[in-house]
C-alpha atoms as a PDB file:
ATOM      1  CA  MET A   1       1.871 -20.016-134.996  1.00  0.00           C
ATOM      2  CA  SER A   2       1.057 -17.513-132.258  1.00  0.00           C
ATOM      3  CA  LYS A   3       0.265 -18.611-128.723  1.00  0.00           C
ATOM      4  CA  LEU A   4      -3.336 -17.461-129.197  1.00  0.00           C
ATOM      5  CA  SER A   5      -3.684 -19.329-132.479  1.00  0.00           C
ATOM      6  CA  SER A   6      -2.295 -22.475-130.841  1.00  0.00           C
ATOM      7  CA  PHE A   7      -4.707 -22.058-127.944  1.00  0.00           C
ATOM      8  CA  LEU A   8      -7.720 -21.731-130.249  1.00  0.00           C
ATOM      9  CA  THR A   9      -6.603 -24.758-132.256  1.00  0.00           C
ATOM     10  CA  ASP A  10      -6.096 -26.822-129.103  1.00  0.00           C
ATOM     11  CA  LEU A  11      -9.410 -25.621-127.683  1.00  0.00           C
ATOM     12  CA  SER A  12     -11.219 -26.914-130.739  1.00  0.00           C
ATOM     13  CA  SER A  13      -9.543 -30.325-130.663  1.00  0.00           C
ATOM     14  CA  ASP A  14      -8.808 -31.114-127.002  1.00  0.00           C
ATOM     15  CA  ALA A  15     -11.919 -32.157-125.063  1.00  0.00           C
ATOM     16  CA  LYS A  16     -10.219 -31.835-121.663  1.00  0.00           C
ATOM     17  CA  LEU A  17      -8.997 -28.321-122.436  1.00  0.00           C
ATOM     18  CA  LYS A  18     -12.466 -27.322-123.659  1.00  0.00           C
ATOM     19  CA  GLN A  19     -14.097 -28.720-120.514  1.00  0.00           C
ATOM     20  CA  ALA A  20     -11.616 -26.878-118.291  1.00  0.00           C
ATOM     21  CA  TYR A  21     -12.138 -23.684-120.305  1.00  0.00           C
ATOM     22  CA  GLU A  22     -15.902 -23.928-119.927  1.00  0.00           C
ATOM     23  CA  SER A  23     -15.460 -24.188-116.143  1.00  0.00           C
ATOM     24  CA  SER A  24     -12.801 -21.507-115.722  1.00  0.00           C
ATOM     25  CA  PRO A  25     -11.869 -19.648-118.901  1.00  0.00           C
ATOM     26  CA  GLU A  26      -9.647 -17.044-117.246  1.00  0.00           C
ATOM     27  CA  LYS A  27      -7.579 -19.641-115.396  1.00  0.00           C
ATOM     28  CA  VAL A  28      -7.172 -21.846-118.470  1.00  0.00           C
ATOM     29  CA  MET A  29      -6.038 -18.932-120.634  1.00  0.00           C
ATOM     30  CA  GLN A  30      -3.643 -17.720-117.942  1.00  0.00           C
ATOM     31  CA  ASP A  31      -2.218 -21.222-117.471  1.00  0.00           C
ATOM     32  CA  TYR A  32      -1.809 -21.516-121.254  1.00  0.00           C
ATOM     33  CA  GLY A  33       0.290 -18.353-121.214  1.00  0.00           C
ATOM     34  CA  LEU A  34      -1.972 -15.967-123.093  1.00  0.00           C
ATOM     35  CA  SER A  35      -1.326 -12.261-122.604  1.00  0.00           C
ATOM     36  CA  LYS A  36      -3.915 -10.056-120.908  1.00  0.00           C
ATOM     37  CA  GLU A  37      -4.714  -8.540-124.313  1.00  0.00           C
ATOM     38  CA  GLU A  38      -5.299 -11.991-125.805  1.00  0.00           C
ATOM     39  CA  GLN A  39      -7.436 -13.066-122.849  1.00  0.00           C
ATOM     40  CA  GLU A  40      -9.548  -9.917-123.048  1.00  0.00           C
ATOM     41  CA  ALA A  41     -10.069 -10.368-126.795  1.00  0.00           C
ATOM     42  CA  VAL A  42     -11.251 -13.957-126.322  1.00  0.00           C
ATOM     43  CA  MET A  43     -13.489 -13.088-123.361  1.00  0.00           C
ATOM     44  CA  SER A  44     -15.093 -10.227-125.293  1.00  0.00           C
ATOM     45  CA  CYS A  45     -15.848 -12.556-128.238  1.00  0.00           C
ATOM     46  CA  ASP A  46     -14.630  -9.713-130.451  1.00  0.00           C
ATOM     47  CA  GLU A  47     -13.905 -11.434-133.761  1.00  0.00           C
ATOM     48  CA  GLY A  48     -11.993  -8.447-135.088  1.00  0.00           C
ATOM     49  CA  LYS A  49      -9.629  -8.262-132.102  1.00  0.00           C
ATOM     50  CA  VAL A  50      -8.987 -12.007-132.054  1.00  0.00           C
ATOM     51  CA  CYS A  51      -8.369 -12.117-135.795  1.00  0.00           C
ATOM     52  CA  ALA A  52      -6.020  -9.130-135.607  1.00  0.00           C
ATOM     53  CA  LEU A  53      -4.033 -10.807-132.828  1.00  0.00           C
ATOM     54  CA  ILE A  54      -3.639 -14.072-134.728  1.00  0.00           C
ATOM     55  CA  GLY A  55      -3.232 -12.454-138.146  1.00  0.00           C
ATOM     56  CA  ASP A  56      -6.337 -14.083-139.596  1.00  0.00           C
ATOM     57  CA  VAL A  57      -7.625 -11.395-141.930  1.00  0.00           C
ATOM     58  CA  ASP A  58     -10.308 -13.589-143.497  1.00  0.00           C
ATOM     59  CA  LYS A  59     -11.642 -14.785-140.110  1.00  0.00           C
ATOM     60  CA  SER A  60     -11.460 -18.419-141.153  1.00  0.00           C
ATOM     61  CA  LYS A  61      -9.665 -19.839-138.123  1.00  0.00           C
ATOM     62  CA  ILE A  62     -11.662 -18.723-135.117  1.00  0.00           C
ATOM     63  CA  LEU A  63     -14.303 -20.501-133.114  1.00  0.00           C
ATOM     64  CA  PHE A  64     -15.835 -18.926-130.054  1.00  0.00           C
ATOM     65  CA  VAL A  65     -16.816 -21.054-127.093  1.00  0.00           C
ATOM     66  CA  HIS A  66     -19.388 -19.082-125.164  1.00  0.00           C
ATOM     67  CA  HIS A  67     -19.123 -19.168-121.414  1.00  0.00           C
ATOM     68  CA  SER A  68     -21.411 -18.133-118.598  1.00  0.00           C
END
């Protein structure tokens, strides 16, 4: 499982991680070890980019958490 895929899985199941992400998404992704490319894909909410990075061609694994 890629680092990004693990992050998205953890984000959907870990309430503390989700709360921290909602407060400071860039810091949480950096602390998690995501690459700049991965961080930019998540921040852009670009389904295609995220799916390409995690190898999810049918887009079944992603969940976007919108931030302000």
